[in-house]
Amino acid sequence: MSYTVKDPPEGIVAVTYRCNARCYMCNIWKHPSDPKDEIKADDLVSLPGDKKKMRSLNITGGEPFIRTDLGDIISVLRPKTKRLVISTNGYFTDRIVKIAEEFPDIGIRVSLEGLPAVSDKLRGLLNGFDHGLRTLLKLHEMGFKDIGFGITVSDLNHKDMLELYTLAAATGWEFATAVLHNSFYFHKFDNKIEYQNEVAKSFEILINKLLKTHRVKNWYRAFFNYGIINRIYGNPRLLPCGAGTDLFYVDPYGNVRPCNAMDFVIGNIKEETFDKIWRSEKAKEMRERVRSCTMNCWMIGSASPAIRKDLWRVTKWVVKAKFNSLLGKEIKYEDMEKWWKK
């Protein structure tokens, strides 16, 4: 039996759990997928979407560029979405440049965990920062448009976040943030922010920097980072999670899940079409579980569609924050809370 539900506007496809990094906050590398079991390009044909309906699709891993057939996968997925972005540690520069030359209208995001010494230590990847930065510079030199880098913030690198933002602002590259969290996806459940106030203060500084720019997108990123502070303090999400409705996650084995945080499989695209899986009774059960989920994740994959759904309320917050920034006021977390709850 199936029931009526819309196709999701956002998606994440993990093409492998193999990884050349040894990140301190993630144990995927200890649980690599077997190449013979991983999804192939043909398995992804039934995924929903076209460039009019699906806003964003993210290819992730493990490290996606370990796959030698990544171009075939992109060829299937690119026509399904307005924007296709690949998340990578940036180590395999030549492979990344080759893909960028073949698909110049996709996005590439490189993960850097701080400045060189900190990033290499936290990623367990010798000269990883150098490789990542070299990749970004190569893409920039060839005129590749949609490039940027991101950081997963913790007690160990929150100060480096601000210096990386300065680099992004100087180069014009996009800058994404996430905060330390746990998930079955990472095989990690002991990640924790010990120095909440110090880490939150770094995010306050970042928010003030974003609000001082002339770029509207940065003002909304300020709101997203306010949500990260809220998450650091263990508070409920600012907006309801739409995972399993506005977002789907496909793992390297073809299992369809609501997201990469909830360990709940509703079907496998190697066995059934995505449409049948997405409209099944098991999917209905999944959405009920999402509504009662207490993980309070605040990651861009699920936060972005939630922001769009409540855009008017978020925009009111943004206007208040920007107005106070124009007045020269230093925005504090207490201010952000007041504007949101008012």
C-alpha atoms as a PDB file:
ATOM      1  CA  MET A   1       0.000   0.000   0.000  1.00  0.00           C
ATOM      2  CA  SER A   2       1.227   3.535  -0.764  1.00  0.00           C
ATOM      3  CA  TYR A   3       0.024   7.020   0.107  1.00  0.00           C
ATOM      4  CA  THR A   4       0.326  10.492  -1.374  1.00  0.00           C
ATOM      5  CA  VAL A   5       3.474  12.465  -0.614  1.00  0.00           C
ATOM      6  CA  LYS A   6       5.558  14.932  -2.608  1.00  0.00           C
ATOM      7  CA  ASP A   7       9.030  14.217  -3.970  1.00  0.00           C
ATOM      8  CA  PRO A   8      11.761  15.573  -1.673  1.00  0.00           C
ATOM      9  CA  PRO A   9      13.477  18.830  -2.784  1.00  0.00           C
ATOM     10  CA  GLU A  10      16.830  17.917  -1.181  1.00  0.00           C
ATOM     11  CA  GLY A  11      18.902  14.762  -1.214  1.00  0.00           C
ATOM     12  CA  ILE A  12      22.182  13.251  -0.032  1.00  0.00           C
ATOM     13  CA  VAL A  13      23.871  10.306  -1.732  1.00  0.00           C
ATOM     14  CA  ALA A  14      26.850   8.673  -0.029  1.00  0.00           C
ATOM     15  CA  VAL A  15      28.665   6.798  -2.785  1.00  0.00           C
ATOM     16  CA  THR A  16      31.207   5.067  -0.529  1.00  0.00           C
ATOM     17  CA  TYR A  17      32.193   4.585   3.099  1.00  0.00           C
ATOM     18  CA  ARG A  18      35.837   4.161   2.085  1.00  0.00           C
ATOM     19  CA  CYS A  19      38.010   7.068   3.199  1.00  0.00           C
ATOM     20  CA  ASN A  20      41.688   7.980   3.153  1.00  0.00           C
ATOM     21  CA  ALA A  21      41.314  10.263   6.200  1.00  0.00           C
ATOM     22  CA  ARG A  22      41.270   9.223   9.857  1.00  0.00           C
ATOM     23  CA  CYS A  23      39.149  11.981  11.371  1.00  0.00           C
ATOM     24  CA  TYR A  24      38.961  12.149  15.155  1.00  0.00           C
ATOM     25  CA  MET A  25      35.202  12.827  15.098  1.00  0.00           C
ATOM     26  CA  CYS A  26      34.330  10.093  12.579  1.00  0.00           C
ATOM     27  CA  ASN A  27      35.020   6.360  12.427  1.00  0.00           C
ATOM     28  CA  ILE A  28      33.720   5.673   8.912  1.00  0.00           C
ATOM     29  CA  TRP A  29      37.246   4.709   7.932  1.00  0.00           C
ATOM     30  CA  LYS A  30      37.068   1.815  10.387  1.00  0.00           C
ATOM     31  CA  HIS A  31      33.932   0.520   8.649  1.00  0.00           C
ATOM     32  CA  PRO A  32      34.622   0.869   4.912  1.00  0.00           C
ATOM     33  CA  SER A  33      32.131  -0.354   2.346  1.00  0.00           C
ATOM     34  CA  ASP A  34      33.192  -3.116  -0.017  1.00  0.00           C
ATOM     35  CA  PRO A  35      33.455  -1.753  -3.595  1.00  0.00           C
ATOM     36  CA  LYS A  36      31.532  -4.731  -4.971  1.00  0.00           C
ATOM     37  CA  ASP A  37      28.552  -3.841  -2.700  1.00  0.00           C
ATOM     38  CA  GLU A  38      28.460  -0.118  -3.464  1.00  0.00           C
ATOM     39  CA  ILE A  39      25.738   1.476  -5.573  1.00  0.00           C
ATOM     40  CA  LYS A  40      26.473   1.982  -9.237  1.00  0.00           C
ATOM     41  CA  ALA A  41      25.284   4.728 -11.556  1.00  0.00           C
ATOM     42  CA  ASP A  42      22.446   2.545 -12.903  1.00  0.00           C
ATOM     43  CA  ASP A  43      21.106   2.025  -9.367  1.00  0.00           C
ATOM     44  CA  LEU A  44      20.487   5.784  -9.072  1.00  0.00           C
ATOM     45  CA  VAL A  45      18.320   6.177 -12.164  1.00  0.00           C
ATOM     46  CA  SER A  46      15.053   5.922 -10.209  1.00  0.00           C
ATOM     47  CA  LEU A  47      15.953   8.748  -7.811  1.00  0.00           C
ATOM     48  CA  PRO A  48      13.455  11.610  -8.163  1.00  0.00           C
ATOM     49  CA  GLY A  49      13.944  15.075  -9.487  1.00  0.00           C
ATOM     50  CA  ASP A  50      14.655  17.377 -12.355  1.00  0.00           C
ATOM     51  CA  LYS A  51      16.181  20.844 -12.492  1.00  0.00           C
ATOM     52  CA  LYS A  52      12.771  22.441 -11.896  1.00  0.00           C
ATOM     53  CA  LYS A  53      11.842  20.475  -8.777  1.00  0.00           C
ATOM     54  CA  MET A  54      14.919  19.337  -6.864  1.00  0.00           C
ATOM     55  CA  ARG A  55      16.848  22.244  -5.352  1.00  0.00           C
ATOM     56  CA  SER A  56      19.957  20.470  -4.177  1.00  0.00           C
ATOM     57  CA  LEU A  57      21.672  17.097  -4.258  1.00  0.00           C
ATOM     58  CA  ASN A  58      24.854  16.363  -2.318  1.00  0.00           C
ATOM     59  CA  ILE A  59      27.320  13.580  -3.152  1.00  0.00           C
ATOM     60  CA  THR A  60      29.300  12.552  -0.104  1.00  0.00           C
ATOM     61  CA  GLY A  61      31.135   9.600   1.478  1.00  0.00           C
ATOM     62  CA  GLY A  62      33.529   8.525   2.961  1.00  0.00           C
ATOM     63  CA  GLU A  63      35.654  10.187   0.323  1.00  0.00           C
ATOM     64  CA  PRO A  64      33.714  10.294  -2.990  1.00  0.00           C
ATOM     65  CA  PHE A  65      36.809  10.728  -5.152  1.00  0.00           C
ATOM     66  CA  ILE A  66      38.024   7.277  -4.134  1.00  0.00           C
ATOM     67  CA  ARG A  67      35.391   6.076  -6.622  1.00  0.00           C
ATOM     68  CA  THR A  68      36.908   5.708 -10.087  1.00  0.00           C
ATOM     69  CA  ASP A  69      33.436   5.776 -11.687  1.00  0.00           C
ATOM     70  CA  LEU A  70      32.299   9.015 -10.035  1.00  0.00           C
ATOM     71  CA  GLY A  71      31.823  10.658 -13.438  1.00  0.00           C
ATOM     72  CA  ASP A  72      29.224   8.018 -14.363  1.00  0.00           C
ATOM     73  CA  ILE A  73      27.343   8.703 -11.123  1.00  0.00           C
ATOM     74  CA  ILE A  74      27.379  12.457 -11.712  1.00  0.00           C
ATOM     75  CA  SER A  75      26.079  11.942 -15.263  1.00  0.00           C
ATOM     76  CA  VAL A  76      22.982  10.257 -13.803  1.00  0.00           C
ATOM     77  CA  LEU A  77      22.450  12.676 -10.901  1.00  0.00           C
ATOM     78  CA  ARG A  78      23.255  16.050 -12.490  1.00  0.00           C
ATOM     79  CA  PRO A  79      20.070  16.262 -14.623  1.00  0.00           C
ATOM     80  CA  LYS A  80      17.953  15.578 -11.538  1.00  0.00           C
ATOM     81  CA  THR A  81      18.704  18.786  -9.627  1.00  0.00           C
ATOM     82  CA  LYS A  82      19.283  22.509  -9.930  1.00  0.00           C
ATOM     83  CA  ARG A  83      22.487  22.183  -7.955  1.00  0.00           C
ATOM     84  CA  LEU A  84      24.778  19.213  -7.444  1.00  0.00           C
ATOM     85  CA  VAL A  85      27.538  19.535  -4.830  1.00  0.00           C
ATOM     86  CA  ILE A  86      30.316  17.082  -3.983  1.00  0.00           C
ATOM     87  CA  SER A  87      31.760  17.055  -0.460  1.00  0.00           C
ATOM     88  CA  THR A  88      35.408  15.984  -0.334  1.00  0.00           C
ATOM     89  CA  ASN A  89      38.553  16.256   1.768  1.00  0.00           C
ATOM     90  CA  GLY A  90      40.246  17.613  -1.363  1.00  0.00           C
ATOM     91  CA  TYR A  91      43.171  15.199  -1.249  1.00  0.00           C
ATOM     92  CA  PHE A  92      42.873  13.826  -4.792  1.00  0.00           C
ATOM     93  CA  THR A  93      43.471  17.096  -6.625  1.00  0.00           C
ATOM     94  CA  ASP A  94      43.972  15.651 -10.122  1.00  0.00           C
ATOM     95  CA  ARG A  95      40.783  13.569  -9.939  1.00  0.00           C
ATOM     96  CA  ILE A  96      38.797  16.546  -8.664  1.00  0.00           C
ATOM     97  CA  VAL A  97      40.101  18.863 -11.390  1.00  0.00           C
ATOM     98  CA  LYS A  98      39.228  16.273 -14.032  1.00  0.00           C
ATOM     99  CA  ILE A  99      35.645  16.031 -12.762  1.00  0.00           C
ATOM    100  CA  ALA A 100      35.411  19.841 -12.581  1.00  0.00           C
ATOM    101  CA  GLU A 101      36.508  20.093 -16.214  1.00  0.00           C
ATOM    102  CA  GLU A 102      33.897  17.527 -17.266  1.00  0.00           C
ATOM    103  CA  PHE A 103      31.088  19.014 -15.144  1.00  0.00           C
ATOM    104  CA  PRO A 104      31.784  22.774 -14.787  1.00  0.00           C
ATOM    105  CA  ASP A 105      28.303  23.544 -13.412  1.00  0.00           C
ATOM    106  CA  ILE A 106      28.527  21.461 -10.230  1.00  0.00           C
ATOM    107  CA  GLY A 107      29.745  22.587  -6.801  1.00  0.00           C
ATOM    108  CA  ILE A 108      32.721  21.282  -4.841  1.00  0.00           C
ATOM    109  CA  ARG A 109      33.177  21.705  -1.077  1.00  0.00           C
ATOM    110  CA  VAL A 110      36.472  20.835   0.575  1.00  0.00           C
ATOM    111  CA  SER A 111      36.581  19.987   4.284  1.00  0.00           C
ATOM    112  CA  LEU A 112      39.307  21.774   6.253  1.00  0.00           C
ATOM    113  CA  GLU A 113      39.340  21.428  10.030  1.00  0.00           C
ATOM    114  CA  GLY A 114      41.456  24.483  10.758  1.00  0.00           C
ATOM    115  CA  LEU A 115      44.823  25.894   9.782  1.00  0.00           C
ATOM    116  CA  PRO A 116      47.439  23.341   8.574  1.00  0.00           C
ATOM    117  CA  ALA A 117      48.683  21.836  11.866  1.00  0.00           C
ATOM    118  CA  VAL A 118      45.222  21.595  13.438  1.00  0.00           C
ATOM    119  CA  SER A 119      43.509  20.359  10.278  1.00  0.00           C
ATOM    120  CA  ASP A 120      46.055  17.620   9.632  1.00  0.00           C
ATOM    121  CA  LYS A 121      45.905  16.470  13.249  1.00  0.00           C
ATOM    122  CA  LEU A 122      42.109  16.368  13.413  1.00  0.00           C
ATOM    123  CA  ARG A 123      41.774  14.676  10.024  1.00  0.00           C
ATOM    124  CA  GLY A 124      44.624  12.254  10.574  1.00  0.00           C
ATOM    125  CA  LEU A 125      45.786  12.996   7.058  1.00  0.00           C
ATOM    126  CA  LEU A 126      49.411  13.989   6.483  1.00  0.00           C
ATOM    127  CA  ASN A 127      49.566  17.204   4.431  1.00  0.00           C
ATOM    128  CA  GLY A 128      45.797  17.044   4.108  1.00  0.00           C
ATOM    129  CA  PHE A 129      45.412  20.819   4.454  1.00  0.00           C
ATOM    130  CA  ASP A 130      47.985  21.418   1.709  1.00  0.00           C
ATOM    131  CA  HIS A 131      46.184  19.041  -0.633  1.00  0.00           C
ATOM    132  CA  GLY A 132      42.813  20.621   0.130  1.00  0.00           C
ATOM    133  CA  LEU A 133      44.034  24.164  -0.354  1.00  0.00           C
ATOM    134  CA  ARG A 134      45.868  23.209  -3.549  1.00  0.00           C
ATOM    135  CA  THR A 135      42.626  21.746  -4.884  1.00  0.00           C
ATOM    136  CA  LEU A 136      40.747  24.956  -4.102  1.00  0.00           C
ATOM    137  CA  LEU A 137      43.435  27.073  -5.757  1.00  0.00           C
ATOM    138  CA  LYS A 138      43.453  24.870  -8.865  1.00  0.00           C
ATOM    139  CA  LEU A 139      39.674  25.154  -9.167  1.00  0.00           C
ATOM    140  CA  HIS A 140      39.879  28.905  -8.652  1.00  0.00           C
ATOM    141  CA  GLU A 141      42.593  29.233 -11.287  1.00  0.00           C
ATOM    142  CA  MET A 142      40.535  27.364 -13.892  1.00  0.00           C
ATOM    143  CA  GLY A 143      37.559  29.668 -13.283  1.00  0.00           C
ATOM    144  CA  PHE A 144      35.399  27.068 -11.567  1.00  0.00           C
ATOM    145  CA  LYS A 145      32.448  28.943 -10.087  1.00  0.00           C
ATOM    146  CA  ASP A 146      30.870  26.986  -7.235  1.00  0.00           C
ATOM    147  CA  ILE A 147      33.746  26.280  -4.855  1.00  0.00           C
ATOM    148  CA  GLY A 148      34.170  26.562  -1.123  1.00  0.00           C
ATOM    149  CA  PHE A 149      35.234  24.804   2.023  1.00  0.00           C
ATOM    150  CA  GLY A 150      33.743  23.889   5.336  1.00  0.00           C
ATOM    151  CA  ILE A 151      34.701  23.043   8.904  1.00  0.00           C
ATOM    152  CA  THR A 152      33.238  20.835  11.622  1.00  0.00           C
ATOM    153  CA  VAL A 153      33.710  22.925  14.748  1.00  0.00           C
ATOM    154  CA  SER A 154      34.759  21.555  18.132  1.00  0.00           C
ATOM    155  CA  ASP A 155      36.660  22.573  21.255  1.00  0.00           C
ATOM    156  CA  LEU A 156      39.868  21.942  19.325  1.00  0.00           C
ATOM    157  CA  ASN A 157      39.400  24.197  16.301  1.00  0.00           C
ATOM    158  CA  HIS A 158      36.786  26.867  16.988  1.00  0.00           C
ATOM    159  CA  LYS A 159      39.359  29.679  16.915  1.00  0.00           C
ATOM    160  CA  ASP A 160      40.717  28.455  13.572  1.00  0.00           C
ATOM    161  CA  MET A 161      37.172  28.741  12.206  1.00  0.00           C
ATOM    162  CA  LEU A 162      37.433  32.535  12.328  1.00  0.00           C
ATOM    163  CA  GLU A 163      40.729  32.571  10.469  1.00  0.00           C
ATOM    164  CA  LEU A 164      39.369  30.244   7.827  1.00  0.00           C
ATOM    165  CA  TYR A 165      36.404  32.572   7.388  1.00  0.00           C
ATOM    166  CA  THR A 166      38.874  35.414   6.739  1.00  0.00           C
ATOM    167  CA  LEU A 167      40.450  33.271   4.016  1.00  0.00           C
ATOM    168  CA  ALA A 168      37.050  32.573   2.473  1.00  0.00           C
ATOM    169  CA  ALA A 169      36.069  36.248   2.566  1.00  0.00           C
ATOM    170  CA  ALA A 170      39.349  37.247   0.895  1.00  0.00           C
ATOM    171  CA  THR A 171      39.049  34.689  -1.907  1.00  0.00           C
ATOM    172  CA  GLY A 172      35.287  34.866  -2.449  1.00  0.00           C
ATOM    173  CA  TRP A 173      34.909  31.157  -1.753  1.00  0.00           C
ATOM    174  CA  GLU A 174      31.850  29.837   0.071  1.00  0.00           C
ATOM    175  CA  PHE A 175      32.330  28.983   3.741  1.00  0.00           C
ATOM    176  CA  ALA A 176      30.225  26.337   5.497  1.00  0.00           C
ATOM    177  CA  THR A 177      30.065  25.410   9.156  1.00  0.00           C
ATOM    178  CA  ALA A 178      28.893  22.401  11.135  1.00  0.00           C
ATOM    179  CA  VAL A 179      29.303  21.492  14.763  1.00  0.00           C
ATOM    180  CA  LEU A 180      30.555  18.289  16.368  1.00  0.00           C
ATOM    181  CA  HIS A 181      27.778  15.713  16.621  1.00  0.00           C
ATOM    182  CA  ASN A 182      27.123  11.972  16.830  1.00  0.00           C
ATOM    183  CA  SER A 183      25.518   9.579  14.383  1.00  0.00           C
ATOM    184  CA  PHE A 184      25.374   5.949  13.311  1.00  0.00           C
ATOM    185  CA  TYR A 185      26.780   7.332  10.072  1.00  0.00           C
ATOM    186  CA  PHE A 186      30.017   8.264  11.844  1.00  0.00           C
ATOM    187  CA  HIS A 187      30.056   5.149  14.061  1.00  0.00           C
ATOM    188  CA  LYS A 188      30.731   7.669  16.821  1.00  0.00           C
ATOM    189  CA  PHE A 189      28.655   8.442  19.897  1.00  0.00           C
ATOM    190  CA  ASP A 190      31.086  10.155  22.284  1.00  0.00           C
ATOM    191  CA  ASN A 191      31.605  13.437  20.421  1.00  0.00           C
ATOM    192  CA  LYS A 192      30.953  16.307  22.813  1.00  0.00           C
ATOM    193  CA  ILE A 193      31.546  20.052  23.149  1.00  0.00           C
ATOM    194  CA  GLU A 194      33.127  20.500  26.579  1.00  0.00           C
ATOM    195  CA  TYR A 195      33.694  24.262  26.480  1.00  0.00           C
ATOM    196  CA  GLN A 196      30.298  25.415  25.314  1.00  0.00           C
ATOM    197  CA  ASN A 197      30.702  29.087  26.148  1.00  0.00           C
ATOM    198  CA  GLU A 198      34.047  29.415  24.392  1.00  0.00           C
ATOM    199  CA  VAL A 199      32.846  27.669  21.235  1.00  0.00           C
ATOM    200  CA  ALA A 200      29.584  29.651  21.254  1.00  0.00           C
ATOM    201  CA  LYS A 201      31.596  32.879  21.554  1.00  0.00           C
ATOM    202  CA  SER A 202      33.515  32.022  18.382  1.00  0.00           C
ATOM    203  CA  PHE A 203      30.217  31.523  16.595  1.00  0.00           C
ATOM    204  CA  GLU A 204      28.990  34.872  17.951  1.00  0.00           C
ATOM    205  CA  ILE A 205      32.041  36.538  16.421  1.00  0.00           C
ATOM    206  CA  LEU A 206      31.414  34.760  13.107  1.00  0.00           C
ATOM    207  CA  ILE A 207      27.768  35.838  13.102  1.00  0.00           C
ATOM    208  CA  ASN A 208      28.778  39.464  13.638  1.00  0.00           C
ATOM    209  CA  LYS A 209      31.254  39.212  10.759  1.00  0.00           C
ATOM    210  CA  LEU A 210      28.612  37.743   8.464  1.00  0.00           C
ATOM    211  CA  LEU A 211      26.092  40.446   9.337  1.00  0.00           C
ATOM    212  CA  LYS A 212      28.599  43.190   8.533  1.00  0.00           C
ATOM    213  CA  THR A 213      28.952  42.032   4.928  1.00  0.00           C
ATOM    214  CA  HIS A 214      26.842  43.324   2.040  1.00  0.00           C
ATOM    215  CA  ARG A 215      25.820  39.842   0.966  1.00  0.00           C
ATOM    216  CA  VAL A 216      22.243  38.819   1.781  1.00  0.00           C
ATOM    217  CA  LYS A 217      23.155  35.124   1.751  1.00  0.00           C
ATOM    218  CA  ASN A 218      25.608  35.767   4.604  1.00  0.00           C
ATOM    219  CA  TRP A 219      22.854  37.306   6.727  1.00  0.00           C
ATOM    220  CA  TYR A 220      20.858  34.086   6.447  1.00  0.00           C
ATOM    221  CA  ARG A 221      24.013  32.147   7.220  1.00  0.00           C
ATOM    222  CA  ALA A 222      24.184  34.199  10.395  1.00  0.00           C
ATOM    223  CA  PHE A 223      20.801  32.743  11.311  1.00  0.00           C
ATOM    224  CA  PHE A 224      22.027  29.225  10.525  1.00  0.00           C
ATOM    225  CA  ASN A 225      25.023  29.750  12.802  1.00  0.00           C
ATOM    226  CA  TYR A 226      22.718  31.064  15.529  1.00  0.00           C
ATOM    227  CA  GLY A 227      21.042  27.644  15.217  1.00  0.00           C
ATOM    228  CA  ILE A 228      24.432  26.030  15.788  1.00  0.00           C
ATOM    229  CA  ILE A 229      24.904  27.965  19.042  1.00  0.00           C
ATOM    230  CA  ASN A 230      21.432  26.840  20.042  1.00  0.00           C
ATOM    231  CA  ARG A 231      22.517  23.249  19.314  1.00  0.00           C
ATOM    232  CA  ILE A 232      25.748  23.649  21.321  1.00  0.00           C
ATOM    233  CA  TYR A 233      23.716  24.556  24.385  1.00  0.00           C
ATOM    234  CA  GLY A 234      21.544  21.466  23.935  1.00  0.00           C
ATOM    235  CA  ASN A 235      18.349  23.337  23.125  1.00  0.00           C
ATOM    236  CA  PRO A 236      15.615  22.061  20.777  1.00  0.00           C
ATOM    237  CA  ARG A 237      15.925  22.888  17.086  1.00  0.00           C
ATOM    238  CA  LEU A 238      14.816  26.351  16.057  1.00  0.00           C
ATOM    239  CA  LEU A 239      12.654  24.846  13.305  1.00  0.00           C
ATOM    240  CA  PRO A 240      11.035  21.409  12.885  1.00  0.00           C
ATOM    241  CA  CYS A 241      13.082  18.795  11.054  1.00  0.00           C
ATOM    242  CA  GLY A 242      11.779  17.750   7.636  1.00  0.00           C
ATOM    243  CA  ALA A 243      14.063  14.756   7.136  1.00  0.00           C
ATOM    244  CA  GLY A 244      12.171  12.002   5.361  1.00  0.00           C
ATOM    245  CA  THR A 245       9.873  14.566   3.760  1.00  0.00           C
ATOM    246  CA  ASP A 246      12.077  17.403   2.488  1.00  0.00           C
ATOM    247  CA  LEU A 247      15.282  15.374   2.532  1.00  0.00           C
ATOM    248  CA  PHE A 248      16.406  11.832   1.754  1.00  0.00           C
ATOM    249  CA  TYR A 249      19.661   9.970   2.285  1.00  0.00           C
ATOM    250  CA  VAL A 250      20.921   7.035   0.235  1.00  0.00           C
ATOM    251  CA  ASP A 251      23.849   5.092   1.666  1.00  0.00           C
ATOM    252  CA  PRO A 252      26.557   3.300  -0.373  1.00  0.00           C
ATOM    253  CA  TYR A 253      24.572   0.037  -0.265  1.00  0.00           C
ATOM    254  CA  GLY A 254      21.443   1.614  -1.758  1.00  0.00           C
ATOM    255  CA  ASN A 255      19.482   1.872   1.495  1.00  0.00           C
ATOM    256  CA  VAL A 256      17.085   4.831   1.619  1.00  0.00           C
ATOM    257  CA  ARG A 257      16.904   6.656   4.948  1.00  0.00           C
ATOM    258  CA  PRO A 258      15.418   9.974   6.135  1.00  0.00           C
ATOM    259  CA  CYS A 259      18.885  11.446   6.771  1.00  0.00           C
ATOM    260  CA  ASN A 260      22.389  10.441   7.815  1.00  0.00           C
ATOM    261  CA  ALA A 261      21.581  10.729  11.518  1.00  0.00           C
ATOM    262  CA  MET A 262      18.581   8.424  12.012  1.00  0.00           C
ATOM    263  CA  ASP A 263      19.385   4.740  11.601  1.00  0.00           C
ATOM    264  CA  PHE A 264      16.124   3.700   9.945  1.00  0.00           C
ATOM    265  CA  VAL A 265      15.932   2.056   6.504  1.00  0.00           C
ATOM    266  CA  ILE A 266      12.736   2.264   4.471  1.00  0.00           C
ATOM    267  CA  GLY A 267      13.898   0.358   1.393  1.00  0.00           C
ATOM    268  CA  ASN A 268      16.700  -0.280  -1.055  1.00  0.00           C
ATOM    269  CA  ILE A 269      16.946   1.223  -4.542  1.00  0.00           C
ATOM    270  CA  LYS A 270      18.676  -1.916  -5.824  1.00  0.00           C
ATOM    271  CA  GLU A 271      15.447  -3.816  -5.104  1.00  0.00           C
ATOM    272  CA  GLU A 272      12.668  -1.250  -5.630  1.00  0.00           C
ATOM    273  CA  THR A 273      12.227   2.113  -7.313  1.00  0.00           C
ATOM    274  CA  PHE A 274      12.701   5.178  -5.156  1.00  0.00           C
ATOM    275  CA  ASP A 275       9.116   6.253  -5.851  1.00  0.00           C
ATOM    276  CA  LYS A 276       7.720   3.016  -4.451  1.00  0.00           C
ATOM    277  CA  ILE A 277       9.985   3.241  -1.388  1.00  0.00           C
ATOM    278  CA  TRP A 278       9.187   6.912  -0.711  1.00  0.00           C
ATOM    279  CA  ARG A 279       5.426   6.329  -0.778  1.00  0.00           C
ATOM    280  CA  SER A 280       5.375   3.072   1.170  1.00  0.00           C
ATOM    281  CA  GLU A 281       3.879   2.347   4.571  1.00  0.00           C
ATOM    282  CA  LYS A 282       7.435   1.991   5.891  1.00  0.00           C
ATOM    283  CA  ALA A 283       8.081   5.574   4.760  1.00  0.00           C
ATOM    284  CA  LYS A 284       4.994   6.680   6.653  1.00  0.00           C
ATOM    285  CA  GLU A 285       6.402   5.045   9.773  1.00  0.00           C
ATOM    286  CA  MET A 286       9.716   6.815   9.137  1.00  0.00           C
ATOM    287  CA  ARG A 287       8.020  10.231   9.083  1.00  0.00           C
ATOM    288  CA  GLU A 288       6.304   9.481  12.364  1.00  0.00           C
ATOM    289  CA  ARG A 289       9.685   8.655  13.895  1.00  0.00           C
ATOM    290  CA  VAL A 290      11.195  11.879  12.552  1.00  0.00           C
ATOM    291  CA  ARG A 291       8.429  13.900  14.197  1.00  0.00           C
ATOM    292  CA  SER A 292       9.318  12.387  17.569  1.00  0.00           C
ATOM    293  CA  CYS A 293      13.105  12.443  17.059  1.00  0.00           C
ATOM    294  CA  THR A 294      15.028  14.082  19.912  1.00  0.00           C
ATOM    295  CA  MET A 295      18.486  14.286  18.312  1.00  0.00           C
ATOM    296  CA  ASN A 296      18.021  18.029  17.620  1.00  0.00           C
ATOM    297  CA  CYS A 297      20.462  17.966  14.696  1.00  0.00           C
ATOM    298  CA  TRP A 298      21.179  21.296  13.044  1.00  0.00           C
ATOM    299  CA  MET A 299      23.008  20.592   9.811  1.00  0.00           C
ATOM    300  CA  ILE A 300      22.591  22.439   6.546  1.00  0.00           C
ATOM    301  CA  GLY A 301      20.975  19.438   4.846  1.00  0.00           C
ATOM    302  CA  SER A 302      17.893  19.516   7.069  1.00  0.00           C
ATOM    303  CA  ALA A 303      18.092  23.136   8.233  1.00  0.00           C
ATOM    304  CA  SER A 304      18.027  24.651   4.742  1.00  0.00           C
ATOM    305  CA  PRO A 305      14.588  23.275   3.719  1.00  0.00           C
ATOM    306  CA  ALA A 306      13.233  24.109   7.183  1.00  0.00           C
ATOM    307  CA  ILE A 307      14.370  27.719   6.773  1.00  0.00           C
ATOM    308  CA  ARG A 308      12.687  27.933   3.370  1.00  0.00           C
ATOM    309  CA  LYS A 309       9.447  26.608   4.848  1.00  0.00           C
ATOM    310  CA  ASP A 310       9.401  29.322   7.526  1.00  0.00           C
ATOM    311  CA  LEU A 311      11.166  31.982   5.486  1.00  0.00           C
ATOM    312  CA  TRP A 312       9.033  34.889   6.697  1.00  0.00           C
ATOM    313  CA  ARG A 313       9.831  34.265  10.359  1.00  0.00           C
ATOM    314  CA  VAL A 314      13.531  33.724   9.614  1.00  0.00           C
ATOM    315  CA  THR A 315      13.604  36.887   7.506  1.00  0.00           C
ATOM    316  CA  LYS A 316      12.190  38.928  10.395  1.00  0.00           C
ATOM    317  CA  TRP A 317      15.071  37.658  12.546  1.00  0.00           C
ATOM    318  CA  VAL A 318      17.566  38.501   9.800  1.00  0.00           C
ATOM    319  CA  VAL A 319      16.181  42.041   9.424  1.00  0.00           C
ATOM    320  CA  LYS A 320      16.445  42.706  13.163  1.00  0.00           C
ATOM    321  CA  ALA A 321      19.977  41.288  13.300  1.00  0.00           C
ATOM    322  CA  LYS A 322      21.146  43.269  10.278  1.00  0.00           C
ATOM    323  CA  PHE A 323      19.552  46.488  11.531  1.00  0.00           C
ATOM    324  CA  ASN A 324      21.331  46.171  14.885  1.00  0.00           C
ATOM    325  CA  SER A 325      24.576  45.386  13.088  1.00  0.00           C
ATOM    326  CA  LEU A 326      24.216  48.555  11.000  1.00  0.00           C
ATOM    327  CA  LEU A 327      23.837  50.485  14.248  1.00  0.00           C
ATOM    328  CA  GLY A 328      27.240  49.141  15.286  1.00  0.00           C
ATOM    329  CA  LYS A 329      25.869  46.864  17.978  1.00  0.00           C
ATOM    330  CA  GLU A 330      27.738  43.679  18.837  1.00  0.00           C
ATOM    331  CA  ILE A 331      25.180  40.917  18.504  1.00  0.00           C
ATOM    332  CA  LYS A 332      25.035  38.524  21.470  1.00  0.00           C
ATOM    333  CA  TYR A 333      23.384  35.132  21.735  1.00  0.00           C
ATOM    334  CA  GLU A 334      20.895  36.647  24.170  1.00  0.00           C
ATOM    335  CA  ASP A 335      19.857  39.141  21.477  1.00  0.00           C
ATOM    336  CA  MET A 336      19.429  36.365  18.940  1.00  0.00           C
ATOM    337  CA  GLU A 337      17.242  34.426  21.360  1.00  0.00           C
ATOM    338  CA  LYS A 338      15.089  37.463  22.097  1.00  0.00           C
ATOM    339  CA  TRP A 339      14.504  38.245  18.418  1.00  0.00           C
ATOM    340  CA  TRP A 340      13.587  34.664  17.641  1.00  0.00           C
ATOM    341  CA  LYS A 341      11.201  34.123  20.556  1.00  0.00           C
ATOM    342  CA  LYS A 342       9.520  37.523  20.373  1.00  0.00           C
END
